Protein backbone atom coordinates (compact mmCIF):
# COMPACT_ATOMS: atom_id res chain seq x y z
CA MET A 1 114.64 46.46 80.32
CA ALA A 2 110.87 46.33 80.06
CA ARG A 3 108.93 49.53 79.51
CA ALA A 4 105.71 49.86 81.49
CA VAL A 5 102.97 52.35 80.53
CA SER A 6 100.33 52.78 83.20
CA THR A 7 96.83 53.97 82.26
CA VAL A 8 93.91 54.39 84.64
CA LEU A 9 90.63 53.98 82.80
CA ASP A 10 87.80 56.40 83.57
CA VAL A 11 85.32 54.44 85.69
CA THR A 12 82.37 56.08 84.00
CA VAL A 13 83.60 54.93 80.56
CA CYS A 14 84.17 51.45 81.96
CA LEU A 15 80.63 51.27 83.32
CA LEU A 16 79.23 52.54 80.06
CA LEU A 17 81.08 49.83 78.18
CA VAL A 18 79.68 47.21 80.55
CA GLY A 19 76.15 48.66 80.13
CA VAL A 20 76.18 48.30 76.33
CA ALA A 21 77.88 44.92 76.18
CA VAL A 22 76.49 42.95 73.29
CA VAL A 23 79.43 40.83 72.11
CA THR A 24 79.43 37.18 73.23
CA LEU A 25 82.18 34.75 73.78
CA ALA A 26 81.24 33.01 70.60
CA THR A 27 83.03 35.71 68.63
CA ALA A 28 86.40 34.80 67.13
CA VAL A 29 89.30 34.31 69.54
CA PRO A 30 92.51 36.12 68.45
CA GLY A 31 95.02 33.67 67.02
CA ALA A 32 98.59 33.31 68.08
CA GLY A 33 100.63 36.26 66.97
CA GLU A 34 97.57 38.39 66.10
CA GLU A 35 98.16 42.12 66.70
CA PRO A 36 95.76 44.04 68.99
CA SER A 37 93.24 46.27 67.23
CA ALA A 38 94.23 49.39 69.16
CA PRO A 39 97.68 51.01 69.49
CA ASP A 40 97.72 50.46 73.26
CA GLY A 41 97.40 46.70 73.78
CA GLY A 42 96.58 47.06 77.46
CA ASP A 43 93.67 49.44 76.79
CA ALA A 44 92.36 47.17 74.07
CA ALA A 45 92.51 44.09 76.29
CA ALA A 46 90.84 45.95 79.16
CA ALA A 47 88.07 47.26 76.92
CA GLU A 48 87.49 43.72 75.71
CA LEU A 49 87.07 42.46 79.24
CA GLY A 50 84.43 45.10 79.80
CA THR A 51 82.44 44.32 76.65
CA VAL A 52 82.77 40.63 75.87
CA THR A 53 80.27 38.47 77.67
CA ALA A 54 80.33 34.79 78.64
CA SER A 55 78.28 32.16 80.49
CA VAL A 56 80.20 30.43 83.25
CA SER A 57 78.89 27.28 84.88
CA SER A 58 79.90 25.96 88.28
CA ASP A 59 78.39 24.69 91.51
CA GLY A 60 75.15 23.79 89.74
CA ALA A 61 74.51 27.26 88.40
CA THR A 62 75.26 29.29 85.26
CA ARG A 63 76.04 32.98 85.37
CA HIS A 64 76.12 35.36 82.39
CA ASP A 65 78.24 38.46 82.69
CA THR A 66 81.03 40.45 81.07
CA LEU A 67 84.49 38.94 81.50
CA ALA A 68 85.34 41.80 83.82
CA GLY A 69 82.24 41.01 85.90
CA HIS A 70 83.26 37.33 86.09
CA LEU A 71 86.77 38.33 87.19
CA ALA A 72 85.33 40.51 90.00
CA ARG A 73 83.01 37.85 91.22
CA ALA A 74 85.81 35.23 91.04
CA ALA A 75 88.13 37.40 93.16
CA VAL A 76 85.43 37.81 95.81
CA ALA A 77 84.53 34.13 95.74
CA ASN A 78 88.28 33.34 96.16
CA THR A 79 88.49 35.31 99.40
CA THR A 80 90.86 34.02 102.07
CA VAL A 81 91.26 35.12 105.69
CA GLY A 82 94.78 34.58 107.02
CA GLY A 83 95.50 32.45 103.94
CA GLU A 84 92.58 30.10 104.57
CA PRO A 85 89.72 30.01 102.02
CA VAL A 86 86.23 31.02 103.06
CA ALA A 87 83.93 29.64 100.35
CA ALA A 88 83.84 26.20 98.82
CA THR A 89 83.28 26.90 95.14
CA GLY A 90 84.72 26.06 91.71
CA TYR A 91 83.59 29.36 90.24
CA PRO A 92 87.00 31.13 90.30
CA ASP A 93 88.64 28.43 88.20
CA ALA A 94 85.74 28.31 85.74
CA ALA A 95 85.76 32.10 85.37
CA ALA A 96 89.55 32.26 84.89
CA GLU A 97 89.26 29.64 82.12
CA ALA A 98 86.62 31.72 80.34
CA VAL A 99 88.87 34.78 80.41
CA ARG A 100 91.94 32.70 79.40
CA ASN A 101 90.08 31.40 76.34
CA ARG A 102 89.49 34.92 75.14
CA SER A 103 92.56 36.90 76.16
CA GLY A 104 95.30 35.19 74.19
CA ASP A 105 98.86 34.19 75.10
CA ARG A 106 100.35 37.67 75.64
CA THR A 107 97.90 38.96 78.28
CA HIS A 108 98.22 38.69 82.06
CA VAL A 109 95.24 39.71 84.18
CA THR A 110 94.99 40.01 87.97
CA ALA A 111 91.78 40.88 89.80
CA ARG A 112 92.33 41.66 93.51
CA TRP A 113 89.80 42.44 96.30
CA ARG A 114 91.00 43.78 99.63
CA PRO A 115 87.71 44.70 101.29
CA LEU A 116 89.09 45.87 104.63
CA GLY A 117 92.30 47.51 103.52
CA ASP A 118 94.63 44.88 105.00
CA ALA A 119 96.16 41.93 103.26
CA SER A 120 94.97 39.31 105.77
CA THR A 121 91.49 39.36 104.20
CA SER A 122 91.66 39.36 100.42
CA GLY A 123 90.61 37.60 97.22
CA THR A 124 92.65 37.27 94.08
CA VAL A 125 92.34 35.53 90.72
CA THR A 126 95.03 35.51 88.08
CA VAL A 127 94.79 34.64 84.36
CA GLY A 128 97.69 34.07 81.99
CA ARG A 129 101.46 33.90 82.42
CA PRO A 130 103.50 36.91 83.61
CA PRO A 131 105.15 38.97 80.79
CA PRO A 132 108.79 38.24 79.97
CA ARG A 133 111.27 40.58 81.69
CA THR A 134 112.43 41.92 78.35
CA ALA A 135 108.98 42.53 76.87
CA ASP A 136 107.49 45.89 75.96
CA VAL A 137 104.57 45.91 78.41
CA SER A 138 101.42 48.05 78.47
CA VAL A 139 99.57 48.19 81.75
CA THR A 140 95.95 49.24 82.25
CA THR A 141 94.11 49.36 85.65
CA PHE A 142 90.42 49.79 86.39
CA THR A 143 87.90 48.81 89.00
CA VAL A 144 84.73 46.68 88.91
CA GLU A 145 81.95 46.57 91.43
CA SER A 146 82.15 43.48 93.63
CA GLY A 147 78.39 43.09 94.02
CA LEU A 148 78.57 43.21 97.82
CA ARG A 149 76.60 45.85 99.72
CA PRO A 150 78.05 45.89 103.31
CA ALA A 151 75.52 47.24 105.90
CA THR A 152 76.69 50.46 107.49
CA ALA A 153 74.60 49.65 110.61
CA ALA A 154 76.89 46.79 111.60
CA SER A 155 78.83 47.21 114.86
CA ASP A 156 82.27 46.90 113.21
CA PRO A 157 83.86 46.46 109.76
CA ALA A 158 84.47 42.71 110.20
CA THR A 159 80.84 42.01 111.03
CA SER A 160 79.67 44.29 108.21
CA LEU A 161 81.82 42.40 105.70
CA ALA A 162 80.89 38.95 107.03
CA ASN A 163 77.19 39.63 106.85
CA ALA A 164 77.43 41.03 103.33
CA TYR A 165 79.73 38.26 102.10
CA VAL A 166 77.55 35.41 103.28
CA ALA A 167 74.40 37.09 101.94
CA TRP A 168 76.23 37.56 98.58
CA LEU A 169 77.36 33.91 98.55
CA PHE A 170 73.97 32.52 99.70
CA PRO A 171 71.13 34.99 98.97
CA PRO A 172 68.57 33.80 101.59
CA GLU A 173 65.38 33.70 99.49
CA ARG A 174 67.01 32.20 96.43
CA THR A 175 69.02 29.69 98.51
CA ARG A 176 65.93 28.54 100.38
CA GLY A 177 64.28 27.89 97.03
CA LEU A 178 67.23 25.73 96.05
CA LEU A 179 67.06 23.86 99.35
CA VAL A 180 63.41 22.88 99.06
CA ASP A 181 63.65 21.81 95.41
CA SER A 182 64.66 18.15 95.22
CA ARG A 183 66.50 18.82 91.94
CA THR A 184 68.79 21.49 93.34
CA ALA A 185 68.90 20.64 97.04
CA PRO A 186 71.88 18.26 96.93
CA ALA A 187 74.18 20.82 95.32
CA ALA A 188 73.03 23.66 97.52
CA LYS A 189 73.43 21.59 100.72
CA GLU A 190 76.88 20.45 99.66
CA GLN A 191 78.10 24.01 99.08
CA TYR A 192 76.62 25.11 102.41
CA THR A 193 78.15 22.17 104.24
CA GLU A 194 81.62 22.63 102.66
CA THR A 195 81.66 26.38 103.44
CA ALA A 196 80.58 25.70 107.03
CA ALA A 197 83.46 23.21 107.30
CA THR A 198 86.00 25.85 106.15
CA LEU A 199 84.65 28.17 108.85
CA ASP A 200 84.55 25.39 111.48
CA THR A 201 80.91 25.84 112.33
CA ALA A 202 77.88 23.56 112.48
CA VAL A 203 74.80 24.07 110.28
CA ASP A 204 73.24 20.61 110.09
CA ALA A 205 70.11 21.37 112.09
CA PRO A 206 68.95 24.55 110.27
CA LEU A 207 70.10 23.11 106.97
CA ALA A 208 67.82 20.06 107.46
CA GLU A 209 64.89 22.47 107.86
CA ALA A 210 65.96 24.49 104.80
CA ASN A 211 66.33 27.51 107.06
CA ALA A 212 68.73 29.57 104.98
CA GLU A 213 68.54 32.64 107.26
CA THR A 214 69.76 30.73 110.36
CA VAL A 215 72.49 28.97 108.38
CA ASN A 216 73.62 32.34 107.10
CA GLU A 217 73.64 33.82 110.58
CA ARG A 218 75.94 31.03 111.79
CA LEU A 219 78.26 31.39 108.83
CA SER A 220 78.40 35.18 109.25
CA THR A 221 79.20 34.91 112.96
CA ALA A 222 82.00 32.42 112.29
CA LEU A 223 83.46 34.50 109.43
CA ALA A 224 83.41 37.72 111.46
CA GLU A 225 85.20 36.03 114.36
CA ARG A 226 87.88 34.61 112.02
CA ILE A 227 88.46 38.04 110.46
CA LYS A 228 88.83 39.64 113.89
CA THR A 229 91.11 36.90 115.21
CA VAL A 230 93.42 37.05 112.19
CA SER A 231 93.48 40.84 112.20
CA GLU A 232 94.29 40.92 115.89
CA GLY A 233 97.15 38.50 115.24
CA HIS A 234 98.55 40.96 112.70
CA GLY A 235 97.86 43.96 114.93
CA ASP A 236 95.46 45.33 112.39
CA VAL A 237 92.05 45.00 114.03
CA ASP A 238 91.84 48.68 115.00
CA SER A 239 92.77 49.88 111.55
CA LEU A 240 90.20 47.89 109.54
CA GLU A 241 88.50 50.06 106.98
CA THR A 242 84.84 50.21 105.94
CA PRO A 243 84.40 47.29 103.53
CA SER A 244 85.18 48.17 99.94
CA GLU A 245 82.68 47.40 97.16
CA GLU A 246 85.26 47.42 94.34
CA VAL A 247 87.67 44.96 92.81
CA ALA A 248 90.88 46.26 91.21
CA VAL A 249 91.77 44.71 87.87
CA VAL A 250 95.28 45.03 86.31
CA VAL A 251 95.75 44.05 82.63
CA ARG A 252 99.25 43.58 81.23
CA ARG A 253 99.64 43.14 77.50
CA TRP A 254 102.97 42.86 75.71
CA GLU A 255 104.68 42.43 72.39
CA PRO A 256 107.47 39.87 71.78
């Protein structure tokens, strides 16, 4: 039978590690069969996620962050409501590949975001194969900030989350700059249009005027309504929690 050792990292230490990150993805990748540098492989792998940095390119943009930061953003970008995706983006796959290239063959990582406390609205990204049932497994868990800042003034949790999510996905000022620049406008419009399609809402008119704020309002309204509809179908609408700003990361590392 497998032995599991669970360790909860101190959040302050984790944030400190992220703050002093100086190692880049260009450093050597552990070879097959290479032993972890610390006695607890899960802790070592988790610490690496918080310190190693990488540049990930997708959707016409390149983002530089720690691997843990990429995992958190990927989980949020991969959000589904009632099993249906919200955003049209290739970022989660690109981020997962960056982590996979670094973590080695005996590491399984899951980043999960459940912003409202129920499973109907959640985002998950997984990297690596699950450990064998007979393996000696070390498990480390920690949290990473999602980057969303839900407004407390919103009328309900679903609206608060929808407004914050759309603003996170399409920052109005930055997105308007992309829309009025002929070099970046095609990619920005495509992502807007595809996301609007997943939410079954129309944004053609404000998009033609590069009116990012109006487009965002329409996306937010459609997303909030979808969250409420799905939650009502599960009987959870009255128990929705204040949106969470944290992504939970679980690292499993094992020996043969």
